[in-house]
Amino acid sequence: MRTINYIVIHCTATQPDVTIESIKTYWKENLKWKNPGYHYMIKSDGEIVNTLPIDRVSNGVAGWNSQIINISYIGGIDKSNHPKDTRTKDQKKSIVKLLRELKSKFPKAKIQGHRDFPNVHKACPSFDAKKEYAGLS
């Protein structure tokens, strides 16, 4: 198993009704990625979908992926494509549930948003994940 130093929260920067399959197609066909951008994706209804085993490296944060588990909720922008926290109550509950499970496996891993990494100039995940999940264990 690889060393996990971070559990990173993302948004897909899409509308909340976008499908996981369409996102995976975009990664493969447009970005030419062999692996998904995230290990887990959370649908609007709170369903957690595992898109890549955690022992494999995903493409969530350039330069850091070998030490990260990447989680994304579907959404993160408003109708004008501006950053907005669009998480549903179900997504919020599922994120906390998943983070607790992962923290039990990787207790030393820090939880933070994509935007909290050095030289990242994005709003992702469109809320302050570091602050929101600071006390989670």
Protein backbone atom coordinates (compact mmCIF):
# COMPACT_ATOMS: atom_id res chain seq x y z
CA MET A 1 0.00 0.00 0.00
CA ARG A 2 1.22 3.48 -0.77
CA THR A 3 1.71 6.14 1.91
CA ILE A 4 -1.33 8.41 2.17
CA ASN A 5 -0.54 11.87 3.54
CA TYR A 6 -3.66 13.67 2.33
CA ILE A 7 -7.33 13.04 1.75
CA VAL A 8 -8.37 15.71 -0.72
CA ILE A 9 -11.84 17.06 -1.37
CA HIS A 10 -12.73 18.24 -4.88
CA CYS A 11 -15.75 19.35 -6.84
CA THR A 12 -16.23 18.28 -10.44
CA ALA A 13 -16.79 21.93 -11.46
CA THR A 14 -19.89 20.83 -13.34
CA GLN A 15 -23.62 21.15 -12.87
CA PRO A 16 -24.99 18.70 -10.26
CA ASP A 17 -26.83 16.58 -12.85
CA VAL A 18 -23.72 15.57 -14.83
CA THR A 19 -23.16 11.81 -14.93
CA ILE A 20 -20.07 10.02 -13.72
CA GLU A 21 -19.81 8.26 -17.08
CA SER A 22 -19.65 11.58 -18.94
CA ILE A 23 -16.90 12.78 -16.60
CA LYS A 24 -14.93 9.55 -17.09
CA THR A 25 -15.32 9.89 -20.86
CA TYR A 26 -13.97 13.46 -20.67
CA TRP A 27 -10.92 12.30 -18.69
CA LYS A 28 -10.18 9.50 -21.12
CA GLU A 29 -10.94 11.17 -24.45
CA ASN A 30 -10.10 14.83 -23.83
CA LEU A 31 -7.39 14.67 -21.18
CA LYS A 32 -6.01 11.26 -22.28
CA TRP A 33 -5.82 10.07 -18.65
CA LYS A 34 -5.42 6.35 -18.03
CA ASN A 35 -6.77 6.64 -14.48
CA PRO A 36 -9.71 8.67 -13.16
CA GLY A 37 -9.27 12.03 -11.48
CA TYR A 38 -10.76 10.79 -8.20
CA HIS A 39 -10.96 7.61 -6.17
CA TYR A 40 -14.51 8.41 -5.06
CA MET A 41 -17.30 10.50 -6.55
CA ILE A 42 -20.43 11.49 -4.66
CA LYS A 43 -23.68 11.94 -6.54
CA SER A 44 -26.34 14.50 -5.60
CA ASP A 45 -28.37 11.80 -3.83
CA GLY A 46 -25.35 10.96 -1.65
CA GLU A 47 -24.41 7.73 -3.41
CA ILE A 48 -20.67 7.14 -3.07
CA VAL A 49 -19.14 5.64 -6.21
CA ASN A 50 -15.65 4.14 -6.02
CA THR A 51 -14.03 4.94 -9.38
CA LEU A 52 -10.51 3.65 -8.61
CA PRO A 53 -9.07 1.38 -5.90
CA ILE A 54 -7.21 3.46 -3.30
CA ASP A 55 -4.00 1.51 -3.83
CA ARG A 56 -3.78 3.08 -7.31
CA VAL A 57 -2.86 6.68 -8.12
CA SER A 58 -5.58 8.99 -9.47
CA ASN A 59 -5.19 12.38 -11.18
CA GLY A 60 -6.58 14.85 -8.63
CA VAL A 61 -3.68 17.21 -7.78
CA ALA A 62 -0.72 17.44 -10.17
CA GLY A 63 2.56 16.60 -8.47
CA TRP A 64 0.93 15.21 -5.31
CA ASN A 65 -1.18 12.27 -6.48
CA SER A 66 1.10 9.49 -5.22
CA GLN A 67 0.30 10.46 -1.61
CA ILE A 68 -3.38 11.37 -1.97
CA ILE A 69 -6.83 9.84 -1.90
CA ASN A 70 -9.06 12.07 -4.04
CA ILE A 71 -12.78 12.52 -3.33
CA SER A 72 -15.14 14.68 -5.37
CA TYR A 73 -18.74 15.70 -5.11
CA ILE A 74 -20.58 16.25 -8.38
CA GLY A 75 -21.23 19.97 -8.74
CA GLY A 76 -19.34 22.99 -7.49
CA ILE A 77 -20.45 25.71 -9.90
CA ASP A 78 -23.55 27.84 -10.33
CA LYS A 79 -25.62 28.24 -13.51
CA SER A 80 -23.15 30.89 -14.74
CA ASN A 81 -20.19 28.51 -14.20
CA HIS A 82 -18.87 30.44 -11.21
CA PRO A 83 -17.56 28.53 -8.16
CA LYS A 84 -20.33 27.74 -5.68
CA ASP A 85 -20.75 25.21 -2.90
CA THR A 86 -23.61 23.18 -4.38
CA ARG A 87 -23.34 20.18 -2.04
CA THR A 88 -26.67 18.67 -1.12
CA LYS A 89 -27.42 17.51 2.43
CA ASP A 90 -26.95 13.94 1.20
CA GLN A 91 -23.57 14.75 -0.33
CA LYS A 92 -22.45 16.43 2.90
CA LYS A 93 -23.45 13.37 4.95
CA SER A 94 -21.71 11.00 2.53
CA ILE A 95 -18.51 13.05 2.50
CA VAL A 96 -18.34 12.94 6.31
CA LYS A 97 -19.08 9.19 6.34
CA LEU A 98 -16.36 8.50 3.76
CA LEU A 99 -13.83 10.78 5.47
CA ARG A 100 -14.38 8.97 8.79
CA GLU A 101 -13.83 5.61 7.11
CA LEU A 102 -10.65 6.80 5.40
CA LYS A 103 -9.31 8.54 8.53
CA SER A 104 -9.70 5.25 10.43
CA LYS A 105 -7.43 3.61 7.82
CA PHE A 106 -5.09 6.60 7.45
CA PRO A 107 -5.20 8.46 10.79
CA LYS A 108 -2.24 10.71 9.99
CA ALA A 109 -3.65 11.88 6.65
CA LYS A 110 -4.58 15.56 6.48
CA ILE A 111 -7.96 16.50 5.05
CA GLN A 112 -7.98 19.52 2.76
CA GLY A 113 -9.36 20.91 -0.45
CA HIS A 114 -7.66 20.91 -3.84
CA ARG A 115 -7.25 24.69 -3.51
CA ASP A 116 -5.16 24.27 -0.34
CA PHE A 117 -2.12 22.91 -2.19
CA PRO A 118 0.76 25.20 -3.15
CA ASN A 119 0.50 26.85 -6.57
CA VAL A 120 -3.11 25.73 -7.11
CA HIS A 121 -5.16 28.60 -8.47
CA LYS A 122 -8.62 27.06 -8.34
CA ALA A 123 -11.64 27.45 -6.07
CA CYS A 124 -12.04 23.66 -5.91
CA PRO A 125 -13.94 22.36 -3.96
CA SER A 126 -15.81 25.70 -3.74
CA PHE A 127 -15.79 25.67 0.10
CA ASP A 128 -13.17 25.61 2.86
CA ALA A 129 -12.70 21.85 3.34
CA LYS A 130 -9.68 22.29 5.60
CA LYS A 131 -11.73 24.34 8.07
CA GLU A 132 -14.95 22.33 7.76
CA TYR A 133 -13.31 18.98 8.46
CA ALA A 134 -10.58 20.15 10.87
CA GLY A 135 -11.93 18.18 13.85
CA LEU A 136 -12.90 15.04 11.96
CA SER A 137 -11.42 11.74 13.01
